[in-house]
Amino acid sequence: MRNLFASAALVALGACATPTGMEAASRFDSFEAADPVQLGDYDRVYLAPIAVSDDILDRLDRQIYRGTRDSEWAIDERTIEAKVEDLREDLVAELSERATLVEAPGPGVLTIQLTLTELASNRPTIAALSEEPSLSFQSISTGGAAVEAQLLEGDRVLATFEDRSRFNPINDPVVQAGIWTEADRYFRQLGDKLAALLA
């Protein structure tokens, strides 16, 4: 009987296990592979400099930017650079557990080219508070982030994907914690998703 319970527990654990390898592609909002490929065959990874979309950069210039959501408050260049570095650090932390990170692309190296396409805070940014005195740091929004990426070996595109954070309800106490709570949480989740592809 004890062995029967143990077997049942293992089956249940397997059913709940996080997908790995190419099965992990299902964790992204959109994932397309050009050819059948096993990303787990790559033991070296080059994480290219992370790009930032024009939609985010437009928020540096309030004369041309008109936000459509509360979370699209004004943002300064220093903050963008800091959040890009936060994202990179989280990706490096997760990917380095699955592969050797290298300094340049090349044969047998998986290159990850990623663009940060959305970046939304849970509370007004410092730039927004400076420009709009009527705002309060107590203001709360859903926050989050989104990315798109190419996975390559040399010039050959192996796969592309798009992904975004799953926005929490606005009354979630976790969302209410800080300026970038939801974006930071998503950065860690994205690192975990990418690392799972290499398993």
N, C-alpha and C. Protein backbone atom coordinates (compact mmCIF):
# COMPACT_ATOMS: atom_id res chain seq x y z
N MET A 1 0.84 -1.21 0.00
CA MET A 1 0.00 0.00 0.00
C MET A 1 0.86 1.25 0.00
N ARG A 2 1.95 1.21 0.80
CA ARG A 2 2.85 2.35 0.87
C ARG A 2 3.46 2.65 -0.50
N ASN A 3 3.87 1.58 -1.23
CA ASN A 3 4.45 1.77 -2.57
C ASN A 3 3.41 2.32 -3.55
N LEU A 4 2.16 1.89 -3.36
CA LEU A 4 1.10 2.38 -4.22
C LEU A 4 0.92 3.87 -4.06
N PHE A 5 0.93 4.34 -2.79
CA PHE A 5 0.80 5.78 -2.54
C PHE A 5 2.00 6.52 -3.10
N ALA A 6 3.20 5.94 -2.97
CA ALA A 6 4.40 6.58 -3.49
C ALA A 6 4.33 6.72 -5.00
N SER A 7 3.84 5.68 -5.69
CA SER A 7 3.72 5.73 -7.15
C SER A 7 2.72 6.79 -7.57
N ALA A 8 1.61 6.85 -6.84
CA ALA A 8 0.57 7.85 -7.14
C ALA A 8 1.11 9.25 -6.96
N ALA A 9 1.94 9.45 -5.93
CA ALA A 9 2.52 10.77 -5.67
C ALA A 9 3.46 11.17 -6.79
N LEU A 10 4.24 10.21 -7.29
CA LEU A 10 5.16 10.51 -8.38
C LEU A 10 4.42 10.87 -9.65
N VAL A 11 3.33 10.15 -9.92
CA VAL A 11 2.52 10.47 -11.11
C VAL A 11 1.94 11.87 -10.99
N ALA A 12 1.42 12.20 -9.80
CA ALA A 12 0.85 13.54 -9.59
C ALA A 12 1.91 14.61 -9.75
N LEU A 13 3.10 14.35 -9.21
CA LEU A 13 4.19 15.32 -9.32
C LEU A 13 4.59 15.54 -10.76
N GLY A 14 4.64 14.45 -11.52
CA GLY A 14 4.99 14.58 -12.94
C GLY A 14 3.97 15.37 -13.72
N ALA A 15 2.68 15.18 -13.36
CA ALA A 15 1.61 15.89 -14.06
C ALA A 15 1.68 17.38 -13.80
N CYS A 16 2.21 17.77 -12.62
CA CYS A 16 2.26 19.18 -12.25
C CYS A 16 3.61 19.82 -12.59
N ALA A 17 4.54 19.04 -13.11
CA ALA A 17 5.88 19.55 -13.36
C ALA A 17 5.86 20.64 -14.42
N THR A 18 6.76 21.60 -14.27
CA THR A 18 6.88 22.68 -15.24
C THR A 18 7.44 22.13 -16.54
N PRO A 19 6.85 22.47 -17.71
CA PRO A 19 7.36 21.97 -18.98
C PRO A 19 8.81 22.42 -19.22
N THR A 20 9.60 21.55 -19.81
CA THR A 20 10.98 21.89 -20.15
C THR A 20 11.24 21.55 -21.60
N GLY A 21 12.43 21.96 -22.11
CA GLY A 21 12.73 21.74 -23.51
C GLY A 21 11.74 22.49 -24.39
N MET A 22 11.49 21.99 -25.59
CA MET A 22 10.59 22.69 -26.50
C MET A 22 9.14 22.69 -25.99
N GLU A 23 8.81 21.79 -25.06
CA GLU A 23 7.47 21.84 -24.47
C GLU A 23 7.27 23.13 -23.68
N ALA A 24 8.38 23.72 -23.22
CA ALA A 24 8.28 24.98 -22.46
C ALA A 24 7.85 26.14 -23.34
N ALA A 25 7.88 25.96 -24.67
CA ALA A 25 7.44 27.03 -25.57
C ALA A 25 5.98 27.39 -25.33
N SER A 26 5.21 26.43 -24.79
CA SER A 26 3.79 26.68 -24.53
C SER A 26 3.59 27.71 -23.43
N ARG A 27 4.63 28.03 -22.67
CA ARG A 27 4.51 29.00 -21.58
C ARG A 27 4.55 30.44 -22.09
N PHE A 28 4.96 30.64 -23.35
CA PHE A 28 5.02 31.98 -23.93
C PHE A 28 3.70 32.30 -24.61
N ASP A 29 3.36 33.58 -24.71
CA ASP A 29 2.11 33.97 -25.36
C ASP A 29 2.10 33.56 -26.82
N SER A 30 3.23 33.73 -27.49
CA SER A 30 3.35 33.36 -28.90
C SER A 30 4.77 32.86 -29.13
N PHE A 31 4.89 31.68 -29.73
CA PHE A 31 6.22 31.09 -29.96
C PHE A 31 6.18 30.35 -31.29
N GLU A 32 7.11 30.71 -32.18
CA GLU A 32 7.18 30.07 -33.49
C GLU A 32 8.61 29.62 -33.76
N ALA A 33 8.75 28.35 -34.11
CA ALA A 33 10.06 27.80 -34.47
C ALA A 33 10.10 27.59 -35.98
N ALA A 34 11.17 28.07 -36.63
CA ALA A 34 11.28 27.97 -38.08
C ALA A 34 11.41 26.51 -38.52
N ASP A 35 12.19 25.73 -37.83
CA ASP A 35 12.41 24.32 -38.13
C ASP A 35 12.39 23.55 -36.83
N PRO A 36 12.18 22.23 -36.91
CA PRO A 36 12.31 21.44 -35.68
C PRO A 36 13.69 21.65 -35.08
N VAL A 37 13.72 22.10 -33.85
CA VAL A 37 14.99 22.40 -33.21
C VAL A 37 14.91 22.05 -31.73
N GLN A 38 16.00 21.58 -31.18
CA GLN A 38 16.07 21.30 -29.76
C GLN A 38 17.01 22.32 -29.12
N LEU A 39 16.45 23.32 -28.51
CA LEU A 39 17.27 24.37 -27.92
C LEU A 39 18.12 23.84 -26.76
N GLY A 40 17.69 22.72 -26.18
CA GLY A 40 18.47 22.12 -25.11
C GLY A 40 19.81 21.57 -25.58
N ASP A 41 20.00 21.46 -26.90
CA ASP A 41 21.28 21.00 -27.44
C ASP A 41 22.37 22.06 -27.33
N TYR A 42 21.96 23.30 -27.07
CA TYR A 42 22.94 24.39 -26.97
C TYR A 42 23.43 24.52 -25.54
N ASP A 43 24.74 24.41 -25.37
CA ASP A 43 25.30 24.58 -24.03
C ASP A 43 26.03 25.91 -23.87
N ARG A 44 26.00 26.74 -24.95
CA ARG A 44 26.57 28.08 -24.87
C ARG A 44 25.53 29.09 -25.36
N VAL A 45 25.39 30.18 -24.62
CA VAL A 45 24.37 31.19 -24.92
C VAL A 45 24.99 32.57 -24.91
N TYR A 46 24.63 33.36 -25.93
CA TYR A 46 25.02 34.77 -25.97
C TYR A 46 23.76 35.60 -25.81
N LEU A 47 23.71 36.38 -24.74
CA LEU A 47 22.58 37.29 -24.51
C LEU A 47 22.97 38.65 -25.08
N ALA A 48 22.41 38.97 -26.23
CA ALA A 48 22.73 40.24 -26.90
C ALA A 48 22.22 41.41 -26.06
N PRO A 49 22.79 42.61 -26.28
CA PRO A 49 22.27 43.80 -25.57
C PRO A 49 20.77 43.93 -25.77
N ILE A 50 20.06 44.20 -24.71
CA ILE A 50 18.60 44.28 -24.77
C ILE A 50 18.17 45.61 -25.37
N ALA A 51 17.33 45.54 -26.39
CA ALA A 51 16.82 46.74 -27.05
C ALA A 51 15.55 47.23 -26.34
N VAL A 52 15.20 48.48 -26.60
CA VAL A 52 14.00 49.08 -26.02
C VAL A 52 13.15 49.63 -27.15
N SER A 53 11.86 49.36 -27.12
CA SER A 53 10.97 49.78 -28.20
C SER A 53 10.79 51.29 -28.25
N ASP A 54 10.40 51.78 -29.42
CA ASP A 54 10.12 53.21 -29.58
C ASP A 54 8.97 53.65 -28.69
N ASP A 55 8.01 52.76 -28.45
CA ASP A 55 6.87 53.12 -27.61
C ASP A 55 7.33 53.51 -26.20
N ILE A 56 8.33 52.81 -25.70
CA ILE A 56 8.86 53.16 -24.37
C ILE A 56 9.69 54.43 -24.45
N LEU A 57 10.54 54.53 -25.47
CA LEU A 57 11.40 55.70 -25.61
C LEU A 57 10.61 56.98 -25.84
N ASP A 58 9.43 56.86 -26.47
CA ASP A 58 8.59 58.05 -26.69
C ASP A 58 8.17 58.69 -25.37
N ARG A 59 8.16 57.92 -24.31
CA ARG A 59 7.75 58.47 -23.01
C ARG A 59 8.80 59.39 -22.41
N LEU A 60 9.97 59.46 -23.05
CA LEU A 60 10.99 60.43 -22.63
C LEU A 60 10.61 61.84 -23.05
N ASP A 61 9.75 61.94 -24.07
CA ASP A 61 9.37 63.25 -24.63
C ASP A 61 7.88 63.43 -24.49
N ARG A 62 7.45 64.14 -23.47
CA ARG A 62 6.03 64.31 -23.21
C ARG A 62 5.33 65.15 -24.29
N GLN A 63 6.10 65.86 -25.14
CA GLN A 63 5.46 66.65 -26.19
C GLN A 63 4.85 65.76 -27.26
N ILE A 64 5.42 64.56 -27.45
CA ILE A 64 4.87 63.67 -28.48
C ILE A 64 4.14 62.48 -27.86
N TYR A 65 4.25 62.32 -26.54
CA TYR A 65 3.65 61.14 -25.90
C TYR A 65 2.38 61.50 -25.15
N ARG A 66 1.36 60.70 -25.38
CA ARG A 66 0.12 60.83 -24.63
C ARG A 66 -0.28 59.43 -24.17
N GLY A 67 -0.04 59.12 -22.93
CA GLY A 67 -0.31 57.77 -22.42
C GLY A 67 -1.79 57.45 -22.46
N THR A 68 -2.11 56.18 -22.68
CA THR A 68 -3.49 55.73 -22.70
C THR A 68 -3.86 54.95 -21.45
N ARG A 69 -2.84 54.65 -20.62
CA ARG A 69 -3.09 53.94 -19.37
C ARG A 69 -2.38 54.67 -18.24
N ASP A 70 -2.90 54.55 -17.04
CA ASP A 70 -2.26 55.20 -15.89
C ASP A 70 -0.83 54.73 -15.72
N SER A 71 -0.57 53.43 -16.05
CA SER A 71 0.75 52.87 -15.83
C SER A 71 1.77 53.36 -16.86
N GLU A 72 1.32 54.08 -17.88
CA GLU A 72 2.23 54.63 -18.89
C GLU A 72 2.63 56.06 -18.53
N TRP A 73 3.00 56.25 -17.29
CA TRP A 73 3.44 57.55 -16.85
C TRP A 73 4.79 57.90 -17.47
N ALA A 74 5.14 59.18 -17.42
CA ALA A 74 6.44 59.62 -17.93
C ALA A 74 7.55 58.83 -17.26
N ILE A 75 8.65 58.67 -17.98
CA ILE A 75 9.78 57.89 -17.48
C ILE A 75 11.06 58.56 -17.96
N ASP A 76 12.11 58.51 -17.17
CA ASP A 76 13.36 59.13 -17.60
C ASP A 76 14.34 58.07 -18.10
N GLU A 77 15.36 58.55 -18.82
CA GLU A 77 16.31 57.64 -19.46
C GLU A 77 17.05 56.78 -18.43
N ARG A 78 17.36 57.38 -17.31
CA ARG A 78 18.08 56.64 -16.28
C ARG A 78 17.26 55.46 -15.75
N THR A 79 15.96 55.67 -15.61
CA THR A 79 15.09 54.60 -15.13
C THR A 79 14.99 53.48 -16.15
N ILE A 80 14.87 53.85 -17.43
CA ILE A 80 14.82 52.83 -18.49
C ILE A 80 16.09 51.99 -18.46
N GLU A 81 17.23 52.65 -18.37
CA GLU A 81 18.51 51.93 -18.33
C GLU A 81 18.58 51.01 -17.12
N ALA A 82 18.07 51.47 -16.00
CA ALA A 82 18.10 50.67 -14.77
C ALA A 82 17.21 49.43 -14.89
N LYS A 83 16.03 49.60 -15.51
CA LYS A 83 15.12 48.46 -15.64
C LYS A 83 15.66 47.46 -16.68
N VAL A 84 16.29 47.95 -17.71
CA VAL A 84 16.92 47.04 -18.69
C VAL A 84 18.02 46.23 -18.00
N GLU A 85 18.78 46.87 -17.14
CA GLU A 85 19.84 46.16 -16.42
C GLU A 85 19.24 45.15 -15.44
N ASP A 86 18.13 45.50 -14.80
CA ASP A 86 17.44 44.55 -13.91
C ASP A 86 17.00 43.32 -14.70
N LEU A 87 16.43 43.56 -15.88
CA LEU A 87 16.00 42.45 -16.73
C LEU A 87 17.18 41.57 -17.11
N ARG A 88 18.26 42.20 -17.53
CA ARG A 88 19.44 41.43 -17.93
C ARG A 88 19.98 40.59 -16.77
N GLU A 89 20.05 41.17 -15.60
CA GLU A 89 20.55 40.44 -14.44
C GLU A 89 19.69 39.22 -14.13
N ASP A 90 18.38 39.37 -14.23
CA ASP A 90 17.50 38.24 -13.96
C ASP A 90 17.65 37.14 -15.01
N LEU A 91 17.81 37.55 -16.28
CA LEU A 91 18.01 36.56 -17.34
C LEU A 91 19.33 35.82 -17.16
N VAL A 92 20.38 36.57 -16.86
CA VAL A 92 21.70 35.96 -16.66
C VAL A 92 21.66 34.97 -15.49
N ALA A 93 20.99 35.35 -14.41
CA ALA A 93 20.93 34.48 -13.24
C ALA A 93 20.28 33.14 -13.57
N GLU A 94 19.21 33.16 -14.37
CA GLU A 94 18.51 31.92 -14.71
C GLU A 94 19.23 31.14 -15.80
N LEU A 95 19.67 31.83 -16.86
CA LEU A 95 20.30 31.15 -17.99
C LEU A 95 21.63 30.50 -17.60
N SER A 96 22.35 31.14 -16.70
CA SER A 96 23.67 30.63 -16.31
C SER A 96 23.57 29.30 -15.57
N GLU A 97 22.37 28.95 -15.10
CA GLU A 97 22.18 27.66 -14.45
C GLU A 97 22.02 26.54 -15.47
N ARG A 98 21.72 26.91 -16.72
CA ARG A 98 21.48 25.91 -17.77
C ARG A 98 22.58 25.86 -18.83
N ALA A 99 23.33 26.96 -18.98
CA ALA A 99 24.31 27.02 -20.06
C ALA A 99 25.45 27.95 -19.67
N THR A 100 26.51 27.90 -20.47
CA THR A 100 27.63 28.82 -20.30
C THR A 100 27.34 30.09 -21.09
N LEU A 101 27.36 31.23 -20.44
CA LEU A 101 27.12 32.49 -21.12
C LEU A 101 28.43 32.99 -21.73
N VAL A 102 28.39 33.33 -23.01
CA VAL A 102 29.59 33.76 -23.72
C VAL A 102 29.45 35.22 -24.14
N GLU A 103 30.56 35.81 -24.57
CA GLU A 103 30.60 37.25 -24.85
C GLU A 103 30.27 37.61 -26.29
N ALA A 104 30.11 36.63 -27.17
CA ALA A 104 29.87 36.93 -28.58
C ALA A 104 29.13 35.76 -29.24
N PRO A 105 28.38 36.03 -30.31
CA PRO A 105 27.72 34.95 -31.04
C PRO A 105 28.75 34.15 -31.83
N GLY A 106 28.33 33.00 -32.33
CA GLY A 106 29.23 32.18 -33.13
C GLY A 106 28.63 30.82 -33.40
N PRO A 107 29.34 29.96 -34.13
CA PRO A 107 28.84 28.62 -34.41
C PRO A 107 28.60 27.84 -33.11
N GLY A 108 27.47 27.18 -33.06
CA GLY A 108 27.15 26.40 -31.88
C GLY A 108 26.73 27.22 -30.67
N VAL A 109 26.54 28.52 -30.87
CA VAL A 109 26.12 29.43 -29.79
C VAL A 109 24.69 29.87 -30.03
N LEU A 110 23.84 29.74 -29.04
CA LEU A 110 22.47 30.24 -29.13
C LEU A 110 22.47 31.71 -28.75
N THR A 111 22.04 32.56 -29.67
CA THR A 111 21.96 34.00 -29.42
C THR A 111 20.52 34.39 -29.10
N ILE A 112 20.35 35.14 -28.02
CA ILE A 112 19.03 35.64 -27.64
C ILE A 112 19.02 37.15 -27.88
N GLN A 113 18.22 37.58 -28.85
CA GLN A 113 18.04 39.01 -29.14
C GLN A 113 16.67 39.42 -28.64
N LEU A 114 16.64 40.23 -27.61
CA LEU A 114 15.39 40.54 -26.93
C LEU A 114 15.13 42.04 -26.96
N THR A 115 13.86 42.40 -27.17
CA THR A 115 13.43 43.80 -27.13
C THR A 115 12.36 43.96 -26.05
N LEU A 116 12.56 44.92 -25.18
CA LEU A 116 11.56 45.26 -24.17
C LEU A 116 10.53 46.17 -24.86
N THR A 117 9.31 45.68 -25.01
CA THR A 117 8.30 46.41 -25.79
C THR A 117 7.31 47.18 -24.93
N GLU A 118 7.14 46.76 -23.68
CA GLU A 118 6.27 47.49 -22.76
C GLU A 118 6.93 47.51 -21.39
N LEU A 119 6.74 48.61 -20.69
CA LEU A 119 7.27 48.75 -19.33
C LEU A 119 6.33 49.67 -18.57
N ALA A 120 5.57 49.08 -17.65
CA ALA A 120 4.56 49.84 -16.93
C ALA A 120 4.77 49.69 -15.43
N SER A 121 4.70 50.79 -14.72
CA SER A 121 4.92 50.78 -13.28
C SER A 121 3.62 50.62 -12.52
N ASN A 122 3.74 50.15 -11.28
CA ASN A 122 2.58 50.01 -10.41
C ASN A 122 2.21 51.33 -9.73
N ARG A 123 3.20 52.22 -9.62
CA ARG A 123 2.97 53.53 -9.02
C ARG A 123 3.63 54.58 -9.92
N PRO A 124 3.26 55.85 -9.78
CA PRO A 124 3.88 56.88 -10.62
C PRO A 124 5.40 56.89 -10.47
N THR A 125 6.08 57.06 -11.60
CA THR A 125 7.53 57.16 -11.58
C THR A 125 7.96 58.51 -11.04
N ILE A 126 9.24 58.64 -10.71
CA ILE A 126 9.77 59.91 -10.23
C ILE A 126 9.57 61.00 -11.29
N ALA A 127 9.79 60.65 -12.57
CA ALA A 127 9.61 61.61 -13.66
C ALA A 127 8.16 62.08 -13.73
N ALA A 128 7.23 61.15 -13.54
CA ALA A 128 5.81 61.51 -13.60
C ALA A 128 5.42 62.41 -12.44
N LEU A 129 5.92 62.12 -11.26
CA LEU A 129 5.61 62.96 -10.10
C LEU A 129 6.19 64.36 -10.26
N SER A 130 7.34 64.46 -10.93
CA SER A 130 7.96 65.77 -11.15
C SER A 130 7.17 66.59 -12.15
N GLU A 131 6.62 65.92 -13.17
CA GLU A 131 5.91 66.64 -14.23
C GLU A 131 4.46 66.92 -13.87
N GLU A 132 3.86 66.04 -13.04
CA GLU A 132 2.45 66.17 -12.73
C GLU A 132 2.27 66.20 -11.20
N PRO A 133 2.38 67.37 -10.61
CA PRO A 133 2.29 67.51 -9.14
C PRO A 133 0.99 66.98 -8.56
N SER A 134 -0.06 66.89 -9.39
CA SER A 134 -1.34 66.40 -8.87
C SER A 134 -1.31 64.90 -8.59
N LEU A 135 -0.32 64.20 -9.16
CA LEU A 135 -0.21 62.77 -8.91
C LEU A 135 0.25 62.50 -7.48
N SER A 136 -0.09 61.33 -6.98
CA SER A 136 0.34 60.91 -5.65
C SER A 136 1.04 59.56 -5.76
N PHE A 137 2.04 59.35 -4.92
CA PHE A 137 2.72 58.06 -4.92
C PHE A 137 1.77 56.95 -4.49
N GLN A 138 0.64 57.31 -3.87
CA GLN A 138 -0.34 56.32 -3.46
C GLN A 138 -1.17 55.82 -4.63
N SER A 139 -1.07 56.48 -5.80
CA SER A 139 -1.79 56.00 -6.98
C SER A 139 -1.30 54.61 -7.36
N ILE A 140 -2.22 53.75 -7.76
CA ILE A 140 -1.88 52.37 -8.06
C ILE A 140 -2.38 51.99 -9.45
N SER A 141 -1.55 51.27 -10.18
CA SER A 141 -1.96 50.72 -11.47
C SER A 141 -1.44 49.29 -11.58
N THR A 142 -1.85 48.59 -12.64
CA THR A 142 -1.53 47.17 -12.74
C THR A 142 -0.05 46.92 -12.99
N GLY A 143 0.61 47.74 -13.80
CA GLY A 143 2.03 47.55 -14.06
C GLY A 143 2.30 46.31 -14.90
N GLY A 144 3.60 46.09 -15.19
CA GLY A 144 3.99 44.90 -15.94
C GLY A 144 5.00 45.22 -17.03
N ALA A 145 5.23 44.25 -17.90
CA ALA A 145 6.20 44.41 -18.98
C ALA A 145 5.87 43.41 -20.08
N ALA A 146 6.46 43.65 -21.25
CA ALA A 146 6.29 42.73 -22.38
C ALA A 146 7.57 42.74 -23.21
N VAL A 147 7.81 41.63 -23.89
CA VAL A 147 9.01 41.50 -24.70
C VAL A 147 8.70 40.80 -26.01
N GLU A 148 9.59 40.93 -26.97
CA GLU A 148 9.62 40.10 -28.15
C GLU A 148 11.07 39.72 -28.39
N ALA A 149 11.29 38.56 -29.01
CA ALA A 149 12.67 38.09 -29.12
C ALA A 149 12.87 37.18 -30.32
N GLN A 150 14.13 37.08 -30.73
CA GLN A 150 14.57 36.10 -31.71
C GLN A 150 15.62 35.22 -31.06
N LEU A 151 15.57 33.94 -31.34
CA LEU A 151 16.59 33.00 -30.92
C LEU A 151 17.32 32.56 -32.19
N LEU A 152 18.63 32.76 -32.22
CA LEU A 152 19.39 32.52 -33.44
C LEU A 152 20.64 31.70 -33.19
N GLU A 153 21.14 31.10 -34.27
CA GLU A 153 22.51 30.61 -34.31
C GLU A 153 23.15 31.27 -35.52
N GLY A 154 24.08 32.18 -35.28
CA GLY A 154 24.62 32.99 -36.37
C GLY A 154 23.51 33.84 -36.96
N ASP A 155 23.30 33.75 -38.30
CA ASP A 155 22.24 34.50 -38.96
C ASP A 155 20.96 33.69 -39.09
N ARG A 156 20.97 32.46 -38.66
CA ARG A 156 19.80 31.58 -38.82
C ARG A 156 18.85 31.76 -37.65
N VAL A 157 17.62 32.16 -37.97
CA VAL A 157 16.60 32.34 -36.94
C VAL A 157 16.02 30.98 -36.58
N LEU A 158 16.17 30.59 -35.34
CA LEU A 158 15.65 29.31 -34.87
C LEU A 158 14.22 29.43 -34.38
N ALA A 159 13.92 30.53 -33.73
CA ALA A 159 12.58 30.73 -33.17
C ALA A 159 12.37 32.20 -32.84
N THR A 160 11.12 32.58 -32.77
CA THR A 160 10.74 33.93 -32.33
C THR A 160 9.63 33.78 -31.30
N PHE A 161 9.54 34.74 -30.40
CA PHE A 161 8.43 34.69 -29.44
C PHE A 161 8.05 36.08 -28.98
N GLU A 162 6.82 36.20 -28.51
CA GLU A 162 6.32 37.40 -27.84
C GLU A 162 5.73 36.96 -26.51
N ASP A 163 5.87 37.81 -25.51
CA ASP A 163 5.39 37.43 -24.19
C ASP A 163 5.15 38.68 -23.36
N ARG A 164 4.22 38.58 -22.44
CA ARG A 164 3.94 39.71 -21.56
C ARG A 164 3.57 39.18 -20.17
N SER A 165 3.68 40.06 -19.20
CA SER A 165 3.33 39.66 -17.85
C SER A 165 1.82 39.47 -17.76
N ARG A 166 1.42 38.62 -16.84
CA ARG A 166 0.01 38.42 -16.56
C ARG A 166 -0.38 39.42 -15.48
N PHE A 167 -1.02 40.49 -15.89
CA PHE A 167 -1.31 41.58 -14.96
C PHE A 167 -2.16 41.10 -13.78
N ASN A 168 -1.74 41.50 -12.60
CA ASN A 168 -2.48 41.14 -11.39
C ASN A 168 -3.67 42.08 -11.20
N PRO A 169 -4.69 41.61 -10.48
CA PRO A 169 -5.79 42.52 -10.13
C PRO A 169 -5.24 43.71 -9.36
N ILE A 170 -5.83 44.85 -9.55
CA ILE A 170 -5.29 46.08 -8.97
C ILE A 170 -5.35 46.06 -7.44
N ASN A 171 -6.23 45.23 -6.86
CA ASN A 171 -6.31 45.17 -5.41
C ASN A 171 -5.41 44.10 -4.81
N ASP A 172 -4.57 43.47 -5.63
CA ASP A 172 -3.61 42.49 -5.13
C ASP A 172 -2.58 43.22 -4.27
N PRO A 173 -2.38 42.80 -3.00
CA PRO A 173 -1.43 43.49 -2.13
C PRO A 173 -0.01 43.47 -2.66
N VAL A 174 0.33 42.45 -3.47
CA VAL A 174 1.68 42.40 -4.05
C VAL A 174 1.88 43.54 -5.04
N VAL A 175 0.84 43.82 -5.84
CA VAL A 175 0.91 44.90 -6.81
C VAL A 175 1.12 46.23 -6.11
N GLN A 176 0.54 46.39 -4.94
CA GLN A 176 0.57 47.66 -4.25
C GLN A 176 1.89 47.94 -3.53
N ALA A 177 2.85 47.03 -3.64
CA ALA A 177 4.07 47.15 -2.84
C ALA A 177 4.99 48.28 -3.27
N GLY A 178 5.35 48.35 -4.54
CA GLY A 178 6.35 49.33 -4.98
C GLY A 178 6.12 49.81 -6.40
N ILE A 179 7.04 50.62 -6.89
CA ILE A 179 6.88 51.22 -8.21
C ILE A 179 6.91 50.17 -9.31
N TRP A 180 7.86 49.24 -9.24
CA TRP A 180 8.08 48.29 -10.34
C TRP A 180 7.83 46.84 -9.92
N THR A 181 6.97 46.60 -8.95
CA THR A 181 6.78 45.25 -8.42
C THR A 181 6.41 44.24 -9.49
N GLU A 182 5.41 44.55 -10.31
CA GLU A 182 4.94 43.57 -11.29
C GLU A 182 5.96 43.37 -12.42
N ALA A 183 6.60 44.43 -12.88
CA ALA A 183 7.62 44.30 -13.92
C ALA A 183 8.78 43.44 -13.41
N ASP A 184 9.22 43.69 -12.19
CA ASP A 184 10.33 42.92 -11.63
C ASP A 184 9.96 41.44 -11.49
N ARG A 185 8.74 41.19 -11.09
CA ARG A 185 8.31 39.80 -10.95
C ARG A 185 8.30 39.12 -12.33
N TYR A 186 7.85 39.86 -13.35
CA TYR A 186 7.83 39.28 -14.69
C TYR A 186 9.24 39.01 -15.21
N PHE A 187 10.18 39.89 -14.94
CA PHE A 187 11.56 39.67 -15.38
C PHE A 187 12.08 38.33 -14.87
N ARG A 188 11.80 38.03 -13.61
CA ARG A 188 12.24 36.75 -13.05
C ARG A 188 11.52 35.58 -13.71
N GLN A 189 10.24 35.74 -13.98
CA GLN A 189 9.47 34.68 -14.64
C GLN A 189 9.99 34.44 -16.06
N LEU A 190 10.33 35.52 -16.76
CA LEU A 190 10.85 35.37 -18.12
C LEU A 190 12.17 34.61 -18.12
N GLY A 191 13.03 34.91 -17.17
CA GLY A 191 14.28 34.18 -17.06
C GLY A 191 14.04 32.70 -16.85
N ASP A 192 13.07 32.37 -16.02
CA ASP A 192 12.73 30.97 -15.76
C ASP A 192 12.21 30.30 -17.03
N LYS A 193 11.37 31.00 -17.80
CA LYS A 193 10.83 30.44 -19.04
C LYS A 193 11.93 30.15 -20.05
N LEU A 194 12.85 31.10 -20.21
CA LEU A 194 13.94 30.92 -21.17
C LEU A 194 14.86 29.77 -20.74
N ALA A 195 15.15 29.71 -19.46
CA ALA A 195 16.01 28.64 -18.96
C ALA A 195 15.36 27.27 -19.19
N ALA A 196 14.04 27.21 -19.05
CA ALA A 196 13.33 25.94 -19.25
C ALA A 196 13.45 25.44 -20.68
N LEU A 197 13.56 26.37 -21.65
CA LEU A 197 13.74 25.97 -23.05
C LEU A 197 15.05 25.21 -23.26
N LEU A 198 16.04 25.49 -22.42
CA LEU A 198 17.35 24.90 -22.58
C LEU A 198 17.52 23.59 -21.81
N ALA A 199 16.47 23.22 -21.06
CA ALA A 199 16.57 22.01 -20.22
C ALA A 199 16.49 20.75 -21.07
